[in-house]
C-alpha atoms as a PDB file:
ATOM      1  CA  MET A   1     126.103 -20.617-133.650  1.00  0.00           C
ATOM      2  CA  PHE A   2     124.558 -20.741-129.925  1.00  0.00           C
ATOM      3  CA  MET A   3     124.213 -24.066-128.180  1.00  0.00           C
ATOM      4  CA  GLY A   4     123.700 -25.832-125.010  1.00  0.00           C
ATOM      5  CA  GLU A   5     122.780 -24.986-121.076  1.00  0.00           C
ATOM      6  CA  PHE A   6     124.596 -23.571-118.419  1.00  0.00           C
ATOM      7  CA  HIS A   7     123.970 -22.834-114.876  1.00  0.00           C
ATOM      8  CA  HIS A   8     124.848 -19.917-113.169  1.00  0.00           C
ATOM      9  CA  THR A   9     124.383 -17.267-110.243  1.00  0.00           C
ATOM     10  CA  ILE A  10     123.944 -13.267-110.489  1.00  0.00           C
ATOM     11  CA  ASP A  11     125.449 -11.429-107.292  1.00  0.00           C
ATOM     12  CA  GLU A  12     123.756  -8.821-105.730  1.00  0.00           C
ATOM     13  CA  LYS A  13     124.625  -5.903-108.416  1.00  0.00           C
ATOM     14  CA  GLY A  14     123.049  -7.810-111.000  1.00  0.00           C
ATOM     15  CA  ARG A  15     126.479  -9.565-112.429  1.00  0.00           C
ATOM     16  CA  MET A  16     126.544 -12.584-113.953  1.00  0.00           C
ATOM     17  CA  ILE A  17     129.561 -15.053-115.946  1.00  0.00           C
ATOM     18  CA  ILE A  18     128.478 -15.447-119.301  1.00  0.00           C
ATOM     19  CA  PRO A  19     129.901 -18.958-120.245  1.00  0.00           C
ATOM     20  CA  ALA A  20     133.441 -18.831-122.216  1.00  0.00           C
ATOM     21  CA  LYS A  21     131.913 -21.048-125.127  1.00  0.00           C
ATOM     22  CA  PHE A  22     129.454 -17.887-125.729  1.00  0.00           C
ATOM     23  CA  ARG A  23     131.699 -14.968-125.138  1.00  0.00           C
ATOM     24  CA  GLU A  24     133.973 -15.142-128.540  1.00  0.00           C
ATOM     25  CA  GLU A  25     130.864 -15.042-130.546  1.00  0.00           C
ATOM     26  CA  LEU A  26     128.858 -12.387-129.018  1.00  0.00           C
ATOM     27  CA  GLY A  27     132.123 -10.217-129.254  1.00  0.00           C
ATOM     28  CA  SER A  28     133.266  -6.791-127.585  1.00  0.00           C
ATOM     29  CA  THR A  29     129.597  -5.109-127.079  1.00  0.00           C
ATOM     30  CA  PHE A  30     126.232  -6.941-127.470  1.00  0.00           C
ATOM     31  CA  VAL A  31     122.440  -5.992-126.565  1.00  0.00           C
ATOM     32  CA  VAL A  32     120.402  -7.971-123.744  1.00  0.00           C
ATOM     33  CA  THR A  33     116.643  -6.755-124.332  1.00  0.00           C
ATOM     34  CA  ARG A  34     113.746  -8.728-122.846  1.00  0.00           C
ATOM     35  CA  GLY A  35     112.401 -11.628-124.150  1.00  0.00           C
ATOM     36  CA  MET A  36     109.932 -13.941-125.012  1.00  0.00           C
ATOM     37  CA  ASP A  37     108.621 -16.041-121.865  1.00  0.00           C
ATOM     38  CA  LYS A  38     110.214 -14.001-119.107  1.00  0.00           C
ATOM     39  CA  CYS A  39     113.314 -14.481-119.936  1.00  0.00           C
ATOM     40  CA  LEU A  40     116.158 -12.026-121.168  1.00  0.00           C
ATOM     41  CA  PHE A  41     117.400 -12.264-124.856  1.00  0.00           C
ATOM     42  CA  VAL A  42     120.925 -11.691-125.554  1.00  0.00           C
ATOM     43  CA  TYR A  43     122.110 -10.872-129.215  1.00  0.00           C
ATOM     44  CA  PRO A  44     125.853 -10.308-131.133  1.00  0.00           C
ATOM     45  CA  GLU A  45     126.090  -6.679-132.439  1.00  0.00           C
ATOM     46  CA  PRO A  46     125.436  -7.750-136.055  1.00  0.00           C
ATOM     47  CA  GLU A  47     122.936 -10.402-135.478  1.00  0.00           C
ATOM     48  CA  TRP A  48     120.604  -7.291-133.383  1.00  0.00           C
ATOM     49  CA  LYS A  49     121.280  -5.071-136.352  1.00  0.00           C
ATOM     50  CA  GLN A  50     119.270  -7.872-138.096  1.00  0.00           C
ATOM     51  CA  LEU A  51     116.924  -7.479-136.260  1.00  0.00           C
ATOM     52  CA  GLU A  52     116.592  -3.979-135.813  1.00  0.00           C
ATOM     53  CA  GLN A  53     116.175  -3.474-139.632  1.00  0.00           C
ATOM     54  CA  LYS A  54     113.185  -6.502-139.862  1.00  0.00           C
ATOM     55  CA  LEU A  55     111.469  -4.652-137.111  1.00  0.00           C
ATOM     56  CA  LYS A  56     111.708  -1.479-139.214  1.00  0.00           C
ATOM     57  CA  THR A  57     109.976  -2.688-141.596  1.00  0.00           C
ATOM     58  CA  LEU A  58     106.378  -3.508-139.187  1.00  0.00           C
ATOM     59  CA  PRO A  59     103.976  -0.886-140.019  1.00  0.00           C
ATOM     60  CA  PHE A  60     103.836   1.651-137.285  1.00  0.00           C
ATOM     61  CA  THR A  61     100.236   2.152-138.184  1.00  0.00           C
ATOM     62  CA  LYS A  62      99.547  -1.283-136.845  1.00  0.00           C
ATOM     63  CA  LYS A  63      98.782  -1.541-132.912  1.00  0.00           C
ATOM     64  CA  ASP A  64     100.689  -4.992-132.173  1.00  0.00           C
ATOM     65  CA  ALA A  65     103.383  -3.672-134.009  1.00  0.00           C
ATOM     66  CA  ARG A  66     103.890   0.006-132.347  1.00  0.00           C
ATOM     67  CA  ALA A  67     103.527  -2.537-129.095  1.00  0.00           C
ATOM     68  CA  PHE A  68     106.290  -5.501-129.606  1.00  0.00           C
ATOM     69  CA  THR A  69     108.380  -2.578-131.196  1.00  0.00           C
ATOM     70  CA  ARG A  70     107.805  -0.482-127.707  1.00  0.00           C
ATOM     71  CA  PHE A  71     108.195  -3.828-125.213  1.00  0.00           C
ATOM     72  CA  PHE A  72     111.375  -4.557-127.322  1.00  0.00           C
ATOM     73  CA  PHE A  73     113.617  -1.661-127.681  1.00  0.00           C
ATOM     74  CA  SER A  74     112.515  -0.160-124.542  1.00  0.00           C
ATOM     75  CA  GLY A  75     114.333  -2.768-122.887  1.00  0.00           C
ATOM     76  CA  ALA A  76     117.685  -3.411-124.471  1.00  0.00           C
ATOM     77  CA  THR A  77     120.727  -2.099-123.188  1.00  0.00           C
ATOM     78  CA  GLU A  78     124.028  -2.320-124.871  1.00  0.00           C
ATOM     79  CA  SER A  79     126.931  -4.122-122.634  1.00  0.00           C
ATOM     80  CA  GLU A  80     130.151  -5.812-122.490  1.00  0.00           C
ATOM     81  CA  LEU A  81     131.577  -8.445-120.261  1.00  0.00           C
ATOM     82  CA  ASP A  82     133.994  -7.001-117.748  1.00  0.00           C
ATOM     83  CA  LYS A  83     137.588  -8.847-117.265  1.00  0.00           C
ATOM     84  CA  GLN A  84     136.134 -12.128-115.532  1.00  0.00           C
ATOM     85  CA  GLY A  85     133.649 -12.146-118.132  1.00  0.00           C
ATOM     86  CA  ARG A  86     130.500 -11.174-116.600  1.00  0.00           C
ATOM     87  CA  VAL A  87     127.841  -8.992-117.505  1.00  0.00           C
ATOM     88  CA  ASN A  88     126.194  -6.600-115.808  1.00  0.00           C
ATOM     89  CA  ILE A  89     122.313  -6.881-116.296  1.00  0.00           C
ATOM     90  CA  ALA A  90     120.253  -3.547-115.590  1.00  0.00           C
ATOM     91  CA  GLN A  91     117.906  -3.914-112.874  1.00  0.00           C
ATOM     92  CA  THR A  92     114.735  -3.659-114.906  1.00  0.00           C
ATOM     93  CA  LEU A  93     115.512  -6.535-116.940  1.00  0.00           C
ATOM     94  CA  ARG A  94     116.207  -8.483-113.923  1.00  0.00           C
ATOM     95  CA  SER A  95     112.950  -7.582-113.012  1.00  0.00           C
ATOM     96  CA  TYR A  96     111.237  -8.396-115.938  1.00  0.00           C
ATOM     97  CA  ALA A  97     113.245 -11.909-115.776  1.00  0.00           C
ATOM     98  CA  GLN A  98     113.014 -12.637-111.745  1.00  0.00           C
ATOM     99  CA  LEU A  99     116.643 -12.958-112.082  1.00  0.00           C
ATOM    100  CA  GLU A 100     117.541 -13.449-108.492  1.00  0.00           C
ATOM    101  CA  LYS A 101     120.438 -15.730-107.690  1.00  0.00           C
ATOM    102  CA  GLU A 102     120.355 -18.923-109.824  1.00  0.00           C
ATOM    103  CA  CYS A 103     120.144 -18.777-113.630  1.00  0.00           C
ATOM    104  CA  VAL A 104     120.409 -20.793-116.650  1.00  0.00           C
ATOM    105  CA  VAL A 105     121.902 -19.321-120.244  1.00  0.00           C
ATOM    106  CA  ILE A 106     120.937 -21.372-122.919  1.00  0.00           C
ATOM    107  CA  GLY A 107     122.367 -20.802-126.533  1.00  0.00           C
ATOM    108  CA  VAL A 108     119.547 -20.673-129.505  1.00  0.00           C
ATOM    109  CA  SER A 109     120.995 -20.496-132.684  1.00  0.00           C
ATOM    110  CA  ASN A 110     121.671 -16.691-133.220  1.00  0.00           C
ATOM    111  CA  ARG A 111     120.332 -15.894-129.624  1.00  0.00           C
ATOM    112  CA  VAL A 112     122.194 -16.220-125.869  1.00  0.00           C
ATOM    113  CA  GLU A 113     118.626 -16.432-123.567  1.00  0.00           C
ATOM    114  CA  ILE A 114     119.050 -16.278-119.564  1.00  0.00           C
ATOM    115  CA  TRP A 115     116.396 -17.319-117.786  1.00  0.00           C
ATOM    116  CA  SER A 116     115.957 -17.759-113.660  1.00  0.00           C
ATOM    117  CA  LYS A 117     116.224 -21.314-112.985  1.00  0.00           C
ATOM    118  CA  GLU A 118     112.676 -21.791-111.352  1.00  0.00           C
ATOM    119  CA  ILE A 119     111.141 -20.159-114.569  1.00  0.00           C
ATOM    120  CA  TRP A 120     113.574 -22.235-117.142  1.00  0.00           C
ATOM    121  CA  GLU A 121     112.601 -25.697-115.121  1.00  0.00           C
ATOM    122  CA  ASP A 122     108.872 -24.689-115.009  1.00  0.00           C
ATOM    123  CA  TYR A 123     109.316 -23.588-118.666  1.00  0.00           C
ATOM    124  CA  PHE A 124     111.117 -26.842-119.597  1.00  0.00           C
ATOM    125  CA  ALA A 125     108.892 -29.410-117.624  1.00  0.00           C
ATOM    126  CA  GLU A 126     105.552 -27.985-119.325  1.00  0.00           C
ATOM    127  CA  SER A 127     107.179 -27.803-123.536  1.00  0.00           C
ATOM    128  CA  GLU A 128     108.814 -31.404-122.790  1.00  0.00           C
ATOM    129  CA  GLU A 129     105.476 -32.841-122.739  1.00  0.00           C
ATOM    130  CA  SER A 130     104.261 -31.353-125.609  1.00  0.00           C
ATOM    131  CA  PHE A 131     107.616 -31.563-127.954  1.00  0.00           C
ATOM    132  CA  ALA A 132     106.826 -33.725-130.238  1.00  0.00           C
ATOM    133  CA  GLU A 133     103.548 -32.432-130.440  1.00  0.00           C
ATOM    134  CA  ILE A 134     105.319 -28.911-131.167  1.00  0.00           C
ATOM    135  CA  ALA A 135     107.601 -30.416-133.661  1.00  0.00           C
ATOM    136  CA  GLU A 136     106.048 -32.095-135.916  1.00  0.00           C
ATOM    137  CA  GLY A 137     103.832 -28.991-136.454  1.00  0.00           C
ATOM    138  CA  ILE A 138     106.694 -26.951-137.429  1.00  0.00           C
ATOM    139  CA  VAL A 139     109.767 -28.920-138.077  1.00  0.00           C
ATOM    140  CA  ASP A 140     110.493 -31.535-141.299  1.00  0.00           C
ATOM    141  CA  PHE A 141     113.019 -33.963-139.766  1.00  0.00           C
ATOM    142  CA  ASP A 142     113.345 -35.175-143.115  1.00  0.00           C
ATOM    143  CA  LEU A 143     115.428 -32.523-144.535  1.00  0.00           C
END
């Protein structure tokens, strides 16, 4: 399971260190793709395959299903770490997530997310205000 928040930088060639804590679980190859809210999603190969199977069941006759699968799969790149524990992020993905220098890498259960520091801080500040309300609507803490 991925969890935690880590601050890193991305270099001019698009390389960024993946936190050591995440490397083993990501495995030798993993998938980086466009995520929601202007971040990137990073999936270990087994998680990606499960997600791919779920998305294959969406009805291609539905416009929203076609749009989502195009968005999600067209940005996907199979990636691996170099000897320094860095991933090279494609320019199209860097542009989408507005990754320029300072980045935030977070663990979100079955995936890793990569955010521009500025977008993450804005998102977090906005979400923090309504966190209790959001949790009340979707999470049952009395398990």
